[in-house]
Every structure is written in structure tokens, then in C-alpha cells.
Amino acid sequence: MLAGRAAPCEEAAMSLLQLIIIATLQGFTEWLPISSSAHVLLASGYFGLEGHDELLINAVSNLGTLAAMLLYFRKDVASAIVGGFELVAAPVTRKPLSKGAHLALCIIVATPVALAVAAGYEKLLPEDLQATLRGPATVAGATIVFGALLWWADVKGGRERKEEDMTLLHAFLIGATQAVAAIIPGTSRSGITMTAARALGYERSEAARFAMLIGAPILAAAGLYGALGLMGEPAGGVVTLQDGMIVAGVAFITGLASIAALMAILQRMSFLPFVLYRFALGIALILMSPAIGLF
């Protein structure tokens, strides 16, 4: 992992301060296009929390950020839930779909590919390959490359499309990109979906809002996986279910603030500040890697 980190603590429980730091990073970065998993991975590695334990604590923190998104976009969420019931009745009623039903259908179409890849990640990929993918070199490369793609998508072509203009094909394509983020830390799930939406011509705020809404099923699945995994951890281990609930709670508060900040920023400017941050972070990670050892 990174040079200069704290001594590994495989046999010691995480301290409250360490958990709060990890949760704060998760909450602030989950919905920003800068990769929450990269930040949590690096912080966890610094504290000596690696491998399966890091994966579980990262996963369960998604419950907090998911709750923050559901609260912030509660009107859209309620509309999509009602629309879901409308979809079930559609074959009988044969009525044109409402806005909520259309949103629900887009979320459903956007989910399967990424959910299947995320579900098979730990079971199908060899452990050594997982370790490589979650290493600092991969994180640094993905941070820079996908930051460049976000910049390209943000500056090209027209940007007038809104949610009501979304086709099922667009929803599928945007949602499918989440599969890349499920495999490669540093990609940013929200970042790559916003990149895809911008490349397809959607307004910045619309791209961000839809990217967050379609992330709900994936985050719910990841959070459930993390919670169930922590339930099976032995008492007195490195991380426990109680630790996970602390992380989720802090991530909820910071996640809510992060969403509000992102939507306010995108009303006034482009994604450029996030792109520049990704470039700076990627370069710093490269310089901090053990192979170079400048820090």
C-alpha cells in the first residue's frame, strides 16, 4: 500500500476516530465524481484495514450515503415508487406512462448489468487480481483516465436533454457504466455515470440527479452485502457490525452535505473543478506509491 502509512492493525479493532475519518471520506465523496472507493481504500490502507475487512466497511458505508440520497431526492424517489406500481398495472390499464413510471422504468433498465458484475466481483475474480485492482497504481491510473473522460464529455456538443428526453437505451448505457466502477476503484460510480449522461447530451444537473437515482439499487445491494458480512465477523475482530453502523451514520450526514454542495456547484459551473482534483489526486498517488517513494 502507501509508503509512510500507520502500522498494520490486523489484530486490533478500529478506533472511533479512524472509523469517523473513513465514514467522512465515504460520505463526502460518494456522490462527487471523484471516487469514494479510492478515498476510502487509501484511508483504510493507511490505518492497516485491508482486503476483506476494507471491502466490508466500504460496502456497509453505502447504507448511509444511500439514505442521504433518498432523503435529498425524496420527491423523485416517491414519484418513482408510485410509478413502479403503475408499471405493474400497465399491462391491464394500458395507460400512457407518467413521469414517475418512466423514471422507475429507466432505473430498472439501468440496473441489471452493474448489479450482476458487482455480485460476481468477489466470487469470480481471483484474490490476487482483486488485490491488484485495489492497489494504488490502479487507483491512480483510473482517477486520471476517467477524470479526463469526464472533462471530454463535459465540454463536447450540445447539452439540452432532460430526464423526460431519456430513452431506455440511454438509461441502459448510463447504468451499464457502473459495472466498470464496481471493478476498478478510482473510476467513481457517480463520475462515470455522469460522464455517460453528459456524453449523451444531458444537462449537468440532470446528469447528476439521474446518476444518483440509478445508483440506489447498487448501493442498497452493496450496503446489504456489507452488513451481512459484518454480522458474520467474530466479536473483537478488526471491524464489527457496530463499526459498520457508525460508519453508515456518519456517511449519511456527510453524504447529505455532499449532494447539496454538488447540485449547487453544477448550477453555477462545469465539472472542471472535479476534473482538476482528480488529476491532482492521481499524480499525488503516483508520487506516494512505494515504487517511487517520494513520501
C-alpha atoms as a PDB file:
ATOM      1  CA  MET A   1       0.000   0.000   0.000  1.00  0.00           C
ATOM      2  CA  LEU A   2       1.212   3.551   0.529  1.00  0.00           C
ATOM      3  CA  ALA A   3       4.602   4.400   1.966  1.00  0.00           C
ATOM      4  CA  GLY A   4       4.546   6.013   5.393  1.00  0.00           C
ATOM      5  CA  ARG A   5       1.227   4.563   6.497  1.00  0.00           C
ATOM      6  CA  ALA A   6       0.406   3.567  10.041  1.00  0.00           C
ATOM      7  CA  ALA A   7       1.457   0.144  11.192  1.00  0.00           C
ATOM      8  CA  PRO A   8      -0.954  -2.630  10.156  1.00  0.00           C
ATOM      9  CA  CYS A   9      -3.591  -3.443  12.723  1.00  0.00           C
ATOM     10  CA  GLU A  10      -4.990  -6.762  11.555  1.00  0.00           C
ATOM     11  CA  GLU A  11      -5.381  -7.938  15.166  1.00  0.00           C
ATOM     12  CA  ALA A  12      -6.637  -4.653  16.654  1.00  0.00           C
ATOM     13  CA  ALA A  13     -10.104  -3.165  16.387  1.00  0.00           C
ATOM     14  CA  MET A  14     -10.560   0.084  14.522  1.00  0.00           C
ATOM     15  CA  SER A  15     -10.649   3.179  16.748  1.00  0.00           C
ATOM     16  CA  LEU A  16     -13.655   5.509  16.724  1.00  0.00           C
ATOM     17  CA  LEU A  17     -11.568   8.284  15.169  1.00  0.00           C
ATOM     18  CA  GLN A  18     -10.412   6.013  12.344  1.00  0.00           C
ATOM     19  CA  LEU A  19     -13.993   4.958  11.649  1.00  0.00           C
ATOM     20  CA  ILE A  20     -15.193   8.572  11.596  1.00  0.00           C
ATOM     21  CA  ILE A  21     -12.413   9.560   9.178  1.00  0.00           C
ATOM     22  CA  ILE A  22     -13.299   6.704   6.821  1.00  0.00           C
ATOM     23  CA  ALA A  23     -17.021   7.470   7.063  1.00  0.00           C
ATOM     24  CA  THR A  24     -16.493  11.179   6.452  1.00  0.00           C
ATOM     25  CA  LEU A  25     -14.473  10.428   3.334  1.00  0.00           C
ATOM     26  CA  GLN A  26     -17.121   7.992   2.109  1.00  0.00           C
ATOM     27  CA  GLY A  27     -19.966  10.412   2.710  1.00  0.00           C
ATOM     28  CA  PHE A  28     -18.341  13.433   1.109  1.00  0.00           C
ATOM     29  CA  THR A  29     -17.006  11.609  -1.928  1.00  0.00           C
ATOM     30  CA  GLU A  30     -19.719   9.041  -2.774  1.00  0.00           C
ATOM     31  CA  TRP A  31     -21.829  11.432  -4.832  1.00  0.00           C
ATOM     32  CA  LEU A  32     -18.995  13.609  -6.116  1.00  0.00           C
ATOM     33  CA  PRO A  33     -17.389  12.417  -9.381  1.00  0.00           C
ATOM     34  CA  ILE A  34     -14.039  11.771  -7.680  1.00  0.00           C
ATOM     35  CA  SER A  35     -14.355   8.133  -6.492  1.00  0.00           C
ATOM     36  CA  SER A  36     -15.388   7.379  -2.933  1.00  0.00           C
ATOM     37  CA  SER A  37     -13.920   3.876  -3.084  1.00  0.00           C
ATOM     38  CA  ALA A  38     -10.487   5.296  -3.931  1.00  0.00           C
ATOM     39  CA  HIS A  39     -10.538   7.642  -0.932  1.00  0.00           C
ATOM     40  CA  VAL A  40     -11.882   5.006   1.457  1.00  0.00           C
ATOM     41  CA  LEU A  41      -9.447   2.414   0.117  1.00  0.00           C
ATOM     42  CA  LEU A  42      -6.470   4.688   0.676  1.00  0.00           C
ATOM     43  CA  ALA A  43      -7.573   5.782   4.152  1.00  0.00           C
ATOM     44  CA  SER A  44      -8.313   2.194   5.144  1.00  0.00           C
ATOM     45  CA  GLY A  45      -4.925   1.097   3.849  1.00  0.00           C
ATOM     46  CA  TYR A  46      -3.225   3.817   5.884  1.00  0.00           C
ATOM     47  CA  PHE A  47      -4.930   2.505   9.013  1.00  0.00           C
ATOM     48  CA  GLY A  48      -3.985  -1.072   8.130  1.00  0.00           C
ATOM     49  CA  LEU A  49      -7.534  -2.117   7.196  1.00  0.00           C
ATOM     50  CA  GLU A  50      -7.109  -4.163   4.039  1.00  0.00           C
ATOM     51  CA  GLY A  51      -8.622  -6.928   1.935  1.00  0.00           C
ATOM     52  CA  HIS A  52     -11.971  -8.370   3.028  1.00  0.00           C
ATOM     53  CA  ASP A  53     -12.319  -6.082   6.062  1.00  0.00           C
ATOM     54  CA  GLU A  54     -11.815  -2.950   3.964  1.00  0.00           C
ATOM     55  CA  LEU A  55     -14.311  -4.221   1.393  1.00  0.00           C
ATOM     56  CA  LEU A  56     -16.964  -4.839   4.056  1.00  0.00           C
ATOM     57  CA  ILE A  57     -16.607  -1.474   5.806  1.00  0.00           C
ATOM     58  CA  ASN A  58     -16.640   0.292   2.428  1.00  0.00           C
ATOM     59  CA  ALA A  59     -19.768  -1.619   1.393  1.00  0.00           C
ATOM     60  CA  VAL A  60     -21.780  -1.008   4.555  1.00  0.00           C
ATOM     61  CA  SER A  61     -21.000   2.720   4.451  1.00  0.00           C
ATOM     62  CA  ASN A  62     -23.131   2.818   1.309  1.00  0.00           C
ATOM     63  CA  LEU A  63     -26.235   2.450   3.501  1.00  0.00           C
ATOM     64  CA  GLY A  64     -25.574   5.920   4.878  1.00  0.00           C
ATOM     65  CA  THR A  65     -24.936   7.603   1.555  1.00  0.00           C
ATOM     66  CA  LEU A  66     -27.966   5.842   0.059  1.00  0.00           C
ATOM     67  CA  ALA A  67     -30.183   7.165   2.854  1.00  0.00           C
ATOM     68  CA  ALA A  68     -28.819  10.668   2.223  1.00  0.00           C
ATOM     69  CA  MET A  69     -29.700  10.477  -1.469  1.00  0.00           C
ATOM     70  CA  LEU A  70     -33.186   9.091  -0.780  1.00  0.00           C
ATOM     71  CA  LEU A  71     -33.856  11.978   1.609  1.00  0.00           C
ATOM     72  CA  TYR A  72     -32.479  14.695  -0.664  1.00  0.00           C
ATOM     73  CA  PHE A  73     -34.375  13.471  -3.738  1.00  0.00           C
ATOM     74  CA  ARG A  74     -37.399  12.280  -1.751  1.00  0.00           C
ATOM     75  CA  LYS A  75     -39.906  13.722  -4.231  1.00  0.00           C
ATOM     76  CA  ASP A  76     -38.262  11.925  -7.161  1.00  0.00           C
ATOM     77  CA  VAL A  77     -37.957   8.737  -5.105  1.00  0.00           C
ATOM     78  CA  ALA A  78     -41.626   8.856  -4.088  1.00  0.00           C
ATOM     79  CA  SER A  79     -42.618   9.507  -7.686  1.00  0.00           C
ATOM     80  CA  ALA A  80     -40.547   6.539  -8.893  1.00  0.00           C
ATOM     81  CA  ILE A  81     -42.025   4.245  -6.217  1.00  0.00           C
ATOM     82  CA  VAL A  82     -45.576   5.166  -7.196  1.00  0.00           C
ATOM     83  CA  GLY A  83     -44.516   4.808 -10.824  1.00  0.00           C
ATOM     84  CA  GLY A  84     -43.283   1.316 -10.088  1.00  0.00           C
ATOM     85  CA  PHE A  85     -46.776   0.247  -9.056  1.00  0.00           C
ATOM     86  CA  GLU A  86     -48.057   1.913 -12.207  1.00  0.00           C
ATOM     87  CA  LEU A  87     -45.667  -0.201 -14.271  1.00  0.00           C
ATOM     88  CA  VAL A  88     -47.019  -3.381 -12.687  1.00  0.00           C
ATOM     89  CA  ALA A  89     -50.568  -2.360 -13.591  1.00  0.00           C
ATOM     90  CA  ALA A  90     -49.668  -1.029 -17.055  1.00  0.00           C
ATOM     91  CA  PRO A  91     -50.466  -4.266 -18.962  1.00  0.00           C
ATOM     92  CA  VAL A  92     -54.002  -4.082 -17.573  1.00  0.00           C
ATOM     93  CA  THR A  93     -54.655  -0.329 -17.584  1.00  0.00           C
ATOM     94  CA  ARG A  94     -52.861   0.327 -20.910  1.00  0.00           C
ATOM     95  CA  LYS A  95     -52.465   3.967 -19.915  1.00  0.00           C
ATOM     96  CA  PRO A  96     -49.523   6.110 -21.086  1.00  0.00           C
ATOM     97  CA  LEU A  97     -46.726   6.088 -18.527  1.00  0.00           C
ATOM     98  CA  SER A  98     -46.494   9.018 -16.142  1.00  0.00           C
ATOM     99  CA  LYS A  99     -43.227  10.833 -15.458  1.00  0.00           C
ATOM    100  CA  GLY A 100     -42.737   8.770 -12.308  1.00  0.00           C
ATOM    101  CA  ALA A 101     -43.371   5.493 -14.117  1.00  0.00           C
ATOM    102  CA  HIS A 102     -40.925   6.483 -16.845  1.00  0.00           C
ATOM    103  CA  LEU A 103     -38.283   7.274 -14.212  1.00  0.00           C
ATOM    104  CA  ALA A 104     -38.918   3.950 -12.475  1.00  0.00           C
ATOM    105  CA  LEU A 105     -38.575   2.097 -15.774  1.00  0.00           C
ATOM    106  CA  CYS A 106     -35.298   3.886 -16.557  1.00  0.00           C
ATOM    107  CA  ILE A 107     -33.901   2.959 -13.124  1.00  0.00           C
ATOM    108  CA  ILE A 108     -34.919  -0.674 -13.633  1.00  0.00           C
ATOM    109  CA  VAL A 109     -33.334  -0.818 -17.089  1.00  0.00           C
ATOM    110  CA  ALA A 110     -30.144   0.850 -15.806  1.00  0.00           C
ATOM    111  CA  THR A 111     -29.547  -1.681 -13.029  1.00  0.00           C
ATOM    112  CA  PRO A 112     -29.056  -5.339 -14.165  1.00  0.00           C
ATOM    113  CA  VAL A 113     -25.606  -5.200 -15.815  1.00  0.00           C
ATOM    114  CA  ALA A 114     -23.878  -3.384 -12.963  1.00  0.00           C
ATOM    115  CA  LEU A 115     -25.685  -5.446 -10.327  1.00  0.00           C
ATOM    116  CA  ALA A 116     -24.583  -8.701 -11.953  1.00  0.00           C
ATOM    117  CA  VAL A 117     -20.961  -7.553 -12.213  1.00  0.00           C
ATOM    118  CA  ALA A 118     -20.908  -6.270  -8.623  1.00  0.00           C
ATOM    119  CA  ALA A 119     -22.432  -9.529  -7.352  1.00  0.00           C
ATOM    120  CA  GLY A 120     -19.834 -11.625  -9.140  1.00  0.00           C
ATOM    121  CA  TYR A 121     -16.833  -9.443  -8.321  1.00  0.00           C
ATOM    122  CA  GLU A 122     -15.625 -11.153  -5.160  1.00  0.00           C
ATOM    123  CA  LYS A 123     -16.689 -14.676  -6.138  1.00  0.00           C
ATOM    124  CA  LEU A 124     -15.387 -14.781  -9.702  1.00  0.00           C
ATOM    125  CA  LEU A 125     -12.182 -12.732  -9.597  1.00  0.00           C
ATOM    126  CA  PRO A 126      -9.091 -14.369  -8.068  1.00  0.00           C
ATOM    127  CA  GLU A 127      -7.903 -12.759  -4.845  1.00  0.00           C
ATOM    128  CA  ASP A 128      -4.558 -11.721  -6.316  1.00  0.00           C
ATOM    129  CA  LEU A 129      -6.325  -9.935  -9.169  1.00  0.00           C
ATOM    130  CA  GLN A 130      -8.644  -8.219  -6.701  1.00  0.00           C
ATOM    131  CA  ALA A 131      -5.614  -7.038  -4.736  1.00  0.00           C
ATOM    132  CA  THR A 132      -4.027  -5.654  -7.908  1.00  0.00           C
ATOM    133  CA  LEU A 133      -7.206  -3.846  -8.913  1.00  0.00           C
ATOM    134  CA  ARG A 134      -7.456  -2.295  -5.453  1.00  0.00           C
ATOM    135  CA  GLY A 135      -3.799  -1.238  -5.404  1.00  0.00           C
ATOM    136  CA  PRO A 136      -2.604   2.408  -5.518  1.00  0.00           C
ATOM    137  CA  ALA A 137      -1.293   2.139  -9.094  1.00  0.00           C
ATOM    138  CA  THR A 138      -4.703   1.106 -10.438  1.00  0.00           C
ATOM    139  CA  VAL A 139      -6.474   3.735  -8.337  1.00  0.00           C
ATOM    140  CA  ALA A 140      -4.120   6.467  -9.578  1.00  0.00           C
ATOM    141  CA  GLY A 141      -4.492   5.456 -13.218  1.00  0.00           C
ATOM    142  CA  ALA A 142      -8.279   5.214 -13.051  1.00  0.00           C
ATOM    143  CA  THR A 143      -8.511   8.543 -11.231  1.00  0.00           C
ATOM    144  CA  ILE A 144      -6.636  10.321 -14.022  1.00  0.00           C
ATOM    145  CA  VAL A 145      -8.046   8.459 -17.046  1.00  0.00           C
ATOM    146  CA  PHE A 146     -11.697   8.690 -16.020  1.00  0.00           C
ATOM    147  CA  GLY A 147     -11.164  12.287 -14.939  1.00  0.00           C
ATOM    148  CA  ALA A 148     -10.013  13.054 -18.484  1.00  0.00           C
ATOM    149  CA  LEU A 149     -13.094  11.301 -19.879  1.00  0.00           C
ATOM    150  CA  LEU A 150     -15.335  13.408 -17.632  1.00  0.00           C
ATOM    151  CA  TRP A 151     -13.666  16.565 -18.904  1.00  0.00           C
ATOM    152  CA  TRP A 152     -14.110  15.442 -22.535  1.00  0.00           C
ATOM    153  CA  ALA A 153     -17.791  14.587 -22.048  1.00  0.00           C
ATOM    154  CA  ASP A 154     -18.448  17.842 -20.221  1.00  0.00           C
ATOM    155  CA  VAL A 155     -17.136  20.094 -22.990  1.00  0.00           C
ATOM    156  CA  LYS A 156     -18.368  18.323 -26.125  1.00  0.00           C
ATOM    157  CA  GLY A 157     -21.533  19.035 -28.122  1.00  0.00           C
ATOM    158  CA  GLY A 158     -24.994  20.257 -27.091  1.00  0.00           C
ATOM    159  CA  ARG A 159     -26.362  19.919 -23.582  1.00  0.00           C
ATOM    160  CA  GLU A 160     -30.137  20.387 -23.658  1.00  0.00           C
ATOM    161  CA  ARG A 161     -31.566  16.964 -22.812  1.00  0.00           C
ATOM    162  CA  LYS A 162     -33.577  16.443 -19.627  1.00  0.00           C
ATOM    163  CA  GLU A 163     -34.966  13.411 -17.829  1.00  0.00           C
ATOM    164  CA  GLU A 164     -38.149  13.375 -19.918  1.00  0.00           C
ATOM    165  CA  ASP A 165     -35.982  13.051 -23.042  1.00  0.00           C
ATOM    166  CA  MET A 166     -34.292   9.898 -21.735  1.00  0.00           C
ATOM    167  CA  THR A 167     -34.767   6.768 -23.800  1.00  0.00           C
ATOM    168  CA  LEU A 168     -34.479   3.270 -22.397  1.00  0.00           C
ATOM    169  CA  LEU A 169     -31.329   2.770 -24.453  1.00  0.00           C
ATOM    170  CA  HIS A 170     -29.726   5.828 -22.858  1.00  0.00           C
ATOM    171  CA  ALA A 171     -30.770   4.618 -19.399  1.00  0.00           C
ATOM    172  CA  PHE A 172     -29.273   1.204 -20.105  1.00  0.00           C
ATOM    173  CA  LEU A 173     -25.982   2.657 -21.373  1.00  0.00           C
ATOM    174  CA  ILE A 174     -25.612   5.072 -18.463  1.00  0.00           C
ATOM    175  CA  GLY A 175     -26.433   2.368 -15.934  1.00  0.00           C
ATOM    176  CA  ALA A 176     -24.143  -0.220 -17.512  1.00  0.00           C
ATOM    177  CA  THR A 177     -21.111   2.008 -16.948  1.00  0.00           C
ATOM    178  CA  GLN A 178     -21.490   1.377 -13.215  1.00  0.00           C
ATOM    179  CA  ALA A 179     -20.068  -2.089 -13.853  1.00  0.00           C
ATOM    180  CA  VAL A 180     -16.658  -0.515 -14.565  1.00  0.00           C
ATOM    181  CA  ALA A 181     -16.709   1.316 -11.235  1.00  0.00           C
ATOM    182  CA  ALA A 182     -17.690  -1.904  -9.448  1.00  0.00           C
ATOM    183  CA  ILE A 183     -14.434  -3.498 -10.607  1.00  0.00           C
ATOM    184  CA  ILE A 184     -11.914  -0.651 -10.718  1.00  0.00           C
ATOM    185  CA  PRO A 185     -11.530   1.654  -7.671  1.00  0.00           C
ATOM    186  CA  GLY A 186     -10.740   5.182  -8.751  1.00  0.00           C
ATOM    187  CA  THR A 187     -13.308   5.119 -11.561  1.00  0.00           C
ATOM    188  CA  SER A 188     -16.100   6.688  -9.468  1.00  0.00           C
ATOM    189  CA  ARG A 189     -19.545   5.195  -9.942  1.00  0.00           C
ATOM    190  CA  SER A 190     -21.215   8.592  -9.862  1.00  0.00           C
ATOM    191  CA  GLY A 191     -18.444  10.054 -12.025  1.00  0.00           C
ATOM    192  CA  ILE A 192     -18.690   7.506 -14.828  1.00  0.00           C
ATOM    193  CA  THR A 193     -22.490   7.674 -14.946  1.00  0.00           C
ATOM    194  CA  MET A 194     -22.369  11.472 -15.070  1.00  0.00           C
ATOM    195  CA  THR A 195     -19.747  11.186 -17.803  1.00  0.00           C
ATOM    196  CA  ALA A 196     -22.014   8.895 -19.833  1.00  0.00           C
ATOM    197  CA  ALA A 197     -25.029  11.149 -19.328  1.00  0.00           C
ATOM    198  CA  ARG A 198     -23.073  14.233 -20.376  1.00  0.00           C
ATOM    199  CA  ALA A 199     -21.701  12.425 -23.426  1.00  0.00           C
ATOM    200  CA  LEU A 200     -25.294  11.643 -24.405  1.00  0.00           C
ATOM    201  CA  GLY A 201     -26.243  15.315 -24.165  1.00  0.00           C
ATOM    202  CA  TYR A 202     -27.940  15.710 -20.792  1.00  0.00           C
ATOM    203  CA  GLU A 203     -27.717  18.912 -18.750  1.00  0.00           C
ATOM    204  CA  ARG A 204     -25.252  18.877 -15.885  1.00  0.00           C
ATOM    205  CA  SER A 205     -27.849  18.922 -13.104  1.00  0.00           C
ATOM    206  CA  GLU A 206     -29.974  16.323 -14.864  1.00  0.00           C
ATOM    207  CA  ALA A 207     -26.949  14.114 -15.428  1.00  0.00           C
ATOM    208  CA  ALA A 208     -26.019  14.305 -11.743  1.00  0.00           C
ATOM    209  CA  ARG A 209     -29.560  13.724 -10.493  1.00  0.00           C
ATOM    210  CA  PHE A 210     -30.175  10.699 -12.711  1.00  0.00           C
ATOM    211  CA  ALA A 211     -26.725   9.284 -11.890  1.00  0.00           C
ATOM    212  CA  MET A 212     -27.581   9.411  -8.204  1.00  0.00           C
ATOM    213  CA  LEU A 213     -31.076   7.966  -8.598  1.00  0.00           C
ATOM    214  CA  ILE A 214     -29.942   4.969 -10.672  1.00  0.00           C
ATOM    215  CA  GLY A 215     -27.260   4.256  -8.092  1.00  0.00           C
ATOM    216  CA  ALA A 216     -29.865   3.365  -5.446  1.00  0.00           C
ATOM    217  CA  PRO A 217     -30.217  -0.369  -6.264  1.00  0.00           C
ATOM    218  CA  ILE A 218     -26.443  -0.864  -6.471  1.00  0.00           C
ATOM    219  CA  LEU A 219     -25.793   0.947  -3.188  1.00  0.00           C
ATOM    220  CA  ALA A 220     -28.620  -0.947  -1.488  1.00  0.00           C
ATOM    221  CA  ALA A 221     -27.139  -4.257  -2.631  1.00  0.00           C
ATOM    222  CA  ALA A 222     -23.609  -3.222  -1.589  1.00  0.00           C
ATOM    223  CA  GLY A 223     -24.797  -1.972   1.792  1.00  0.00           C
ATOM    224  CA  LEU A 224     -26.737  -5.183   2.455  1.00  0.00           C
ATOM    225  CA  TYR A 225     -23.692  -7.240   1.460  1.00  0.00           C
ATOM    226  CA  GLY A 226     -21.513  -5.266   3.858  1.00  0.00           C
ATOM    227  CA  ALA A 227     -23.996  -5.509   6.732  1.00  0.00           C
ATOM    228  CA  LEU A 228     -24.460  -9.259   6.305  1.00  0.00           C
ATOM    229  CA  GLY A 229     -20.705  -9.706   6.051  1.00  0.00           C
ATOM    230  CA  LEU A 230     -20.103  -7.784   9.277  1.00  0.00           C
ATOM    231  CA  MET A 231     -22.763  -9.843  11.039  1.00  0.00           C
ATOM    232  CA  GLY A 232     -20.606 -12.870  10.369  1.00  0.00           C
ATOM    233  CA  GLU A 233     -17.424 -11.292  11.726  1.00  0.00           C
ATOM    234  CA  PRO A 234     -16.221 -12.558  15.134  1.00  0.00           C
ATOM    235  CA  ALA A 235     -16.645 -10.363  18.209  1.00  0.00           C
ATOM    236  CA  GLY A 236     -13.499  -8.368  18.913  1.00  0.00           C
ATOM    237  CA  GLY A 237     -12.377  -8.528  15.278  1.00  0.00           C
ATOM    238  CA  VAL A 238     -10.889  -5.709  13.226  1.00  0.00           C
ATOM    239  CA  VAL A 239     -14.340  -4.474  12.178  1.00  0.00           C
ATOM    240  CA  THR A 240     -17.772  -5.282  13.600  1.00  0.00           C
ATOM    241  CA  LEU A 241     -21.391  -4.605  12.719  1.00  0.00           C
ATOM    242  CA  GLN A 242     -21.405  -1.797  15.285  1.00  0.00           C
ATOM    243  CA  ASP A 243     -18.448  -0.227  13.469  1.00  0.00           C
ATOM    244  CA  GLY A 244     -20.383  -0.504  10.226  1.00  0.00           C
ATOM    245  CA  MET A 245     -23.411   1.266  11.703  1.00  0.00           C
ATOM    246  CA  ILE A 246     -21.185   4.102  12.966  1.00  0.00           C
ATOM    247  CA  VAL A 247     -19.669   4.458   9.503  1.00  0.00           C
ATOM    248  CA  ALA A 248     -23.120   4.420   7.868  1.00  0.00           C
ATOM    249  CA  GLY A 249     -24.436   7.070  10.264  1.00  0.00           C
ATOM    250  CA  VAL A 250     -21.567   9.488   9.693  1.00  0.00           C
ATOM    251  CA  ALA A 251     -21.673   8.815   5.930  1.00  0.00           C
ATOM    252  CA  PHE A 252     -25.366   9.776   5.936  1.00  0.00           C
ATOM    253  CA  ILE A 253     -24.657  13.220   7.408  1.00  0.00           C
ATOM    254  CA  THR A 254     -21.651  13.992   5.222  1.00  0.00           C
ATOM    255  CA  GLY A 255     -23.351  12.479   2.179  1.00  0.00           C
ATOM    256  CA  LEU A 256     -26.314  14.818   2.536  1.00  0.00           C
ATOM    257  CA  ALA A 257     -23.987  17.815   2.658  1.00  0.00           C
ATOM    258  CA  SER A 258     -22.089  16.490  -0.356  1.00  0.00           C
ATOM    259  CA  ILE A 259     -25.207  16.163  -2.524  1.00  0.00           C
ATOM    260  CA  ALA A 260     -26.344  19.690  -1.670  1.00  0.00           C
ATOM    261  CA  ALA A 261     -22.901  21.054  -2.498  1.00  0.00           C
ATOM    262  CA  LEU A 262     -22.690  19.180  -5.797  1.00  0.00           C
ATOM    263  CA  MET A 263     -26.094  20.346  -7.037  1.00  0.00           C
ATOM    264  CA  ALA A 264     -25.279  23.939  -6.067  1.00  0.00           C
ATOM    265  CA  ILE A 265     -21.914  23.812  -7.852  1.00  0.00           C
ATOM    266  CA  LEU A 266     -23.392  22.389 -11.058  1.00  0.00           C
ATOM    267  CA  GLN A 267     -25.938  25.207 -11.186  1.00  0.00           C
ATOM    268  CA  ARG A 268     -23.045  27.670 -11.452  1.00  0.00           C
ATOM    269  CA  MET A 269     -20.136  25.954 -13.178  1.00  0.00           C
ATOM    270  CA  SER A 270     -18.868  22.910 -15.043  1.00  0.00           C
ATOM    271  CA  PHE A 271     -17.294  19.664 -13.799  1.00  0.00           C
ATOM    272  CA  LEU A 272     -13.833  21.206 -14.253  1.00  0.00           C
ATOM    273  CA  PRO A 273     -13.057  21.593 -10.511  1.00  0.00           C
ATOM    274  CA  PHE A 274     -13.644  17.862 -10.035  1.00  0.00           C
ATOM    275  CA  VAL A 275     -11.539  17.020 -13.088  1.00  0.00           C
ATOM    276  CA  LEU A 276      -8.627  19.095 -11.790  1.00  0.00           C
ATOM    277  CA  TYR A 277      -8.951  17.482  -8.373  1.00  0.00           C
ATOM    278  CA  ARG A 278      -8.830  14.022  -9.946  1.00  0.00           C
ATOM    279  CA  PHE A 279      -5.666  14.931 -11.858  1.00  0.00           C
ATOM    280  CA  ALA A 280      -4.012  16.279  -8.697  1.00  0.00           C
ATOM    281  CA  LEU A 281      -5.069  13.242  -6.654  1.00  0.00           C
ATOM    282  CA  GLY A 282      -3.862  10.804  -9.297  1.00  0.00           C
ATOM    283  CA  ILE A 283      -0.462  12.482  -9.552  1.00  0.00           C
ATOM    284  CA  ALA A 284      -0.135  12.558  -5.749  1.00  0.00           C
ATOM    285  CA  LEU A 285      -0.956   8.852  -5.550  1.00  0.00           C
ATOM    286  CA  ILE A 286       1.704   8.069  -8.128  1.00  0.00           C
ATOM    287  CA  LEU A 287       4.317  10.090  -6.237  1.00  0.00           C
ATOM    288  CA  MET A 288       3.303   8.437  -2.954  1.00  0.00           C
ATOM    289  CA  SER A 289       3.473   4.889  -4.300  1.00  0.00           C
ATOM    290  CA  PRO A 290       6.133   2.567  -2.806  1.00  0.00           C
ATOM    291  CA  ALA A 291       7.748   2.193  -6.253  1.00  0.00           C
ATOM    292  CA  ILE A 292       8.656   5.884  -6.252  1.00  0.00           C
ATOM    293  CA  GLY A 293       8.726   6.511  -2.518  1.00  0.00           C
ATOM    294  CA  LEU A 294       8.922  10.311  -2.535  1.00  0.00           C
ATOM    295  CA  PHE A 295       6.790  10.497   0.626  1.00  0.00           C
END
